Amino acid sequence: MQTRFVIVPAVPVEKESFQSGSRFYAATVSGGFDIYDNQEKIRLKPSYSTRSLAEAARVKLNSECRNPDELFPFLRVECSVME
């Protein structure tokens, strides 16, 4: 089980793209980190550039929620990684 708010990698940002024949390639950079709300099932904005900034915001959000001790099941993706 996990807390209501968790840190997830942000969607990579496209930096540049180029075409080689009929294929397109995109160079991407890390989008940083987002906070995911397990209760509402949404990614919160803004994104954070470093994990430590995201961790500080996550701790604050979890402490301010109505029931900070409530736990939620892991996402399916995380369950397969943990096994």
C-alpha atoms as a PDB file:
ATOM      1  CA  MET A   1       0.000   0.000   0.000  1.00  0.00           C
ATOM      2  CA  GLN A   2       1.109   3.572  -0.595  1.00  0.00           C
ATOM      3  CA  THR A   3       0.160   7.094   0.414  1.00  0.00           C
ATOM      4  CA  ARG A   4      -2.358   9.233  -1.448  1.00  0.00           C
ATOM      5  CA  PHE A   5       0.252  11.381  -3.222  1.00  0.00           C
ATOM      6  CA  VAL A   6       3.269   9.752  -4.898  1.00  0.00           C
ATOM      7  CA  ILE A   7       6.067  10.942  -7.169  1.00  0.00           C
ATOM      8  CA  VAL A   8       6.095   9.751 -10.784  1.00  0.00           C
ATOM      9  CA  PRO A   9       8.439  10.633 -13.668  1.00  0.00           C
ATOM     10  CA  ALA A  10       7.036  13.408 -15.852  1.00  0.00           C
ATOM     11  CA  VAL A  11       6.392  12.876 -19.549  1.00  0.00           C
ATOM     12  CA  PRO A  12       9.603  13.569 -21.520  1.00  0.00           C
ATOM     13  CA  VAL A  13       9.703  16.851 -23.433  1.00  0.00           C
ATOM     14  CA  GLU A  14      10.575  16.800 -27.133  1.00  0.00           C
ATOM     15  CA  LYS A  15      13.729  18.841 -27.723  1.00  0.00           C
ATOM     16  CA  GLU A  16      14.202  18.389 -31.460  1.00  0.00           C
ATOM     17  CA  SER A  17      13.064  16.043 -34.180  1.00  0.00           C
ATOM     18  CA  PHE A  18      14.422  14.992 -37.529  1.00  0.00           C
ATOM     19  CA  GLN A  19      13.460  12.736 -40.403  1.00  0.00           C
ATOM     20  CA  SER A  20      15.544   9.945 -41.856  1.00  0.00           C
ATOM     21  CA  GLY A  21      13.818   8.488 -44.887  1.00  0.00           C
ATOM     22  CA  SER A  22      10.234   7.757 -43.939  1.00  0.00           C
ATOM     23  CA  ARG A  23      10.928   7.645 -40.167  1.00  0.00           C
ATOM     24  CA  PHE A  24      10.842  10.503 -37.699  1.00  0.00           C
ATOM     25  CA  TYR A  25      13.117  10.595 -34.656  1.00  0.00           C
ATOM     26  CA  ALA A  26      12.749  12.836 -31.634  1.00  0.00           C
ATOM     27  CA  ALA A  27      15.373  13.784 -29.095  1.00  0.00           C
ATOM     28  CA  THR A  28      13.754  14.200 -25.690  1.00  0.00           C
ATOM     29  CA  VAL A  29      14.818  15.556 -22.327  1.00  0.00           C
ATOM     30  CA  SER A  30      13.501  14.572 -18.940  1.00  0.00           C
ATOM     31  CA  GLY A  31      10.348  16.420 -17.970  1.00  0.00           C
ATOM     32  CA  GLY A  32      11.273  16.194 -14.287  1.00  0.00           C
ATOM     33  CA  PHE A  33       8.793  14.760 -11.785  1.00  0.00           C
ATOM     34  CA  ASP A  34       5.038  14.998 -11.251  1.00  0.00           C
ATOM     35  CA  ILE A  35       2.911  14.196  -8.229  1.00  0.00           C
ATOM     36  CA  TYR A  36       0.154  11.630  -8.780  1.00  0.00           C
ATOM     37  CA  ASP A  37      -3.029  11.670  -6.681  1.00  0.00           C
ATOM     38  CA  ASN A  38      -4.089   8.052  -6.015  1.00  0.00           C
ATOM     39  CA  GLN A  39      -7.562   9.094  -4.883  1.00  0.00           C
ATOM     40  CA  GLU A  40      -8.509  11.337  -7.814  1.00  0.00           C
ATOM     41  CA  LYS A  41      -6.381   9.352 -10.315  1.00  0.00           C
ATOM     42  CA  ILE A  42      -4.735  12.436 -11.850  1.00  0.00           C
ATOM     43  CA  ARG A  43      -1.290  13.975 -12.229  1.00  0.00           C
ATOM     44  CA  LEU A  44      -1.024  17.276 -10.427  1.00  0.00           C
ATOM     45  CA  LYS A  45       0.600  20.341 -11.900  1.00  0.00           C
ATOM     46  CA  PRO A  46       3.160  21.894 -11.750  1.00  0.00           C
ATOM     47  CA  SER A  47       6.006  19.540 -12.606  1.00  0.00           C
ATOM     48  CA  TYR A  48       9.152  19.679 -10.487  1.00  0.00           C
ATOM     49  CA  SER A  49      12.642  19.802 -11.981  1.00  0.00           C
ATOM     50  CA  THR A  50      14.264  17.710  -9.242  1.00  0.00           C
ATOM     51  CA  ARG A  51      13.105  14.748  -7.186  1.00  0.00           C
ATOM     52  CA  SER A  52      13.907  16.565  -3.923  1.00  0.00           C
ATOM     53  CA  LEU A  53      11.537  19.436  -4.793  1.00  0.00           C
ATOM     54  CA  ALA A  54       8.834  16.939  -5.696  1.00  0.00           C
ATOM     55  CA  GLU A  55       9.441  15.008  -2.467  1.00  0.00           C
ATOM     56  CA  ALA A  56       9.021  18.169  -0.363  1.00  0.00           C
ATOM     57  CA  ALA A  57       5.739  18.991  -2.126  1.00  0.00           C
ATOM     58  CA  ARG A  58       4.528  15.380  -1.777  1.00  0.00           C
ATOM     59  CA  VAL A  59       5.197  15.338   1.971  1.00  0.00           C
ATOM     60  CA  LYS A  60       3.315  18.625   2.374  1.00  0.00           C
ATOM     61  CA  LEU A  61       0.318  17.377   0.353  1.00  0.00           C
ATOM     62  CA  ASN A  62       0.144  14.092   2.269  1.00  0.00           C
ATOM     63  CA  SER A  63       0.271  15.899   5.617  1.00  0.00           C
ATOM     64  CA  GLU A  64      -2.497  18.329   4.585  1.00  0.00           C
ATOM     65  CA  CYS A  65      -4.955  15.746   3.228  1.00  0.00           C
ATOM     66  CA  ARG A  66      -8.037  14.807   5.245  1.00  0.00           C
ATOM     67  CA  ASN A  67      -6.778  11.376   6.282  1.00  0.00           C
ATOM     68  CA  PRO A  68      -2.962  11.285   5.974  1.00  0.00           C
ATOM     69  CA  ASP A  69      -2.771   7.662   7.197  1.00  0.00           C
ATOM     70  CA  GLU A  70      -5.068   6.315   4.449  1.00  0.00           C
ATOM     71  CA  LEU A  71      -3.240   3.954   2.092  1.00  0.00           C
ATOM     72  CA  PHE A  72      -3.972   3.046  -1.527  1.00  0.00           C
ATOM     73  CA  PRO A  73      -3.078  -0.028  -3.608  1.00  0.00           C
ATOM     74  CA  PHE A  74       0.017   0.159  -5.817  1.00  0.00           C
ATOM     75  CA  LEU A  75      -0.417   0.944  -9.497  1.00  0.00           C
ATOM     76  CA  ARG A  76      -0.329  -2.150 -11.707  1.00  0.00           C
ATOM     77  CA  VAL A  77       2.950  -0.997 -13.257  1.00  0.00           C
ATOM     78  CA  GLU A  78       4.611  -0.722  -9.844  1.00  0.00           C
ATOM     79  CA  CYS A  79       3.320  -4.140  -8.733  1.00  0.00           C
ATOM     80  CA  SER A  80       4.978  -5.923 -11.655  1.00  0.00           C
ATOM     81  CA  VAL A  81       8.279  -4.166 -10.931  1.00  0.00           C
ATOM     82  CA  MET A  82       8.198  -5.114  -7.248  1.00  0.00           C
ATOM     83  CA  GLU A  83       7.646  -8.852  -7.856  1.00  0.00           C
END
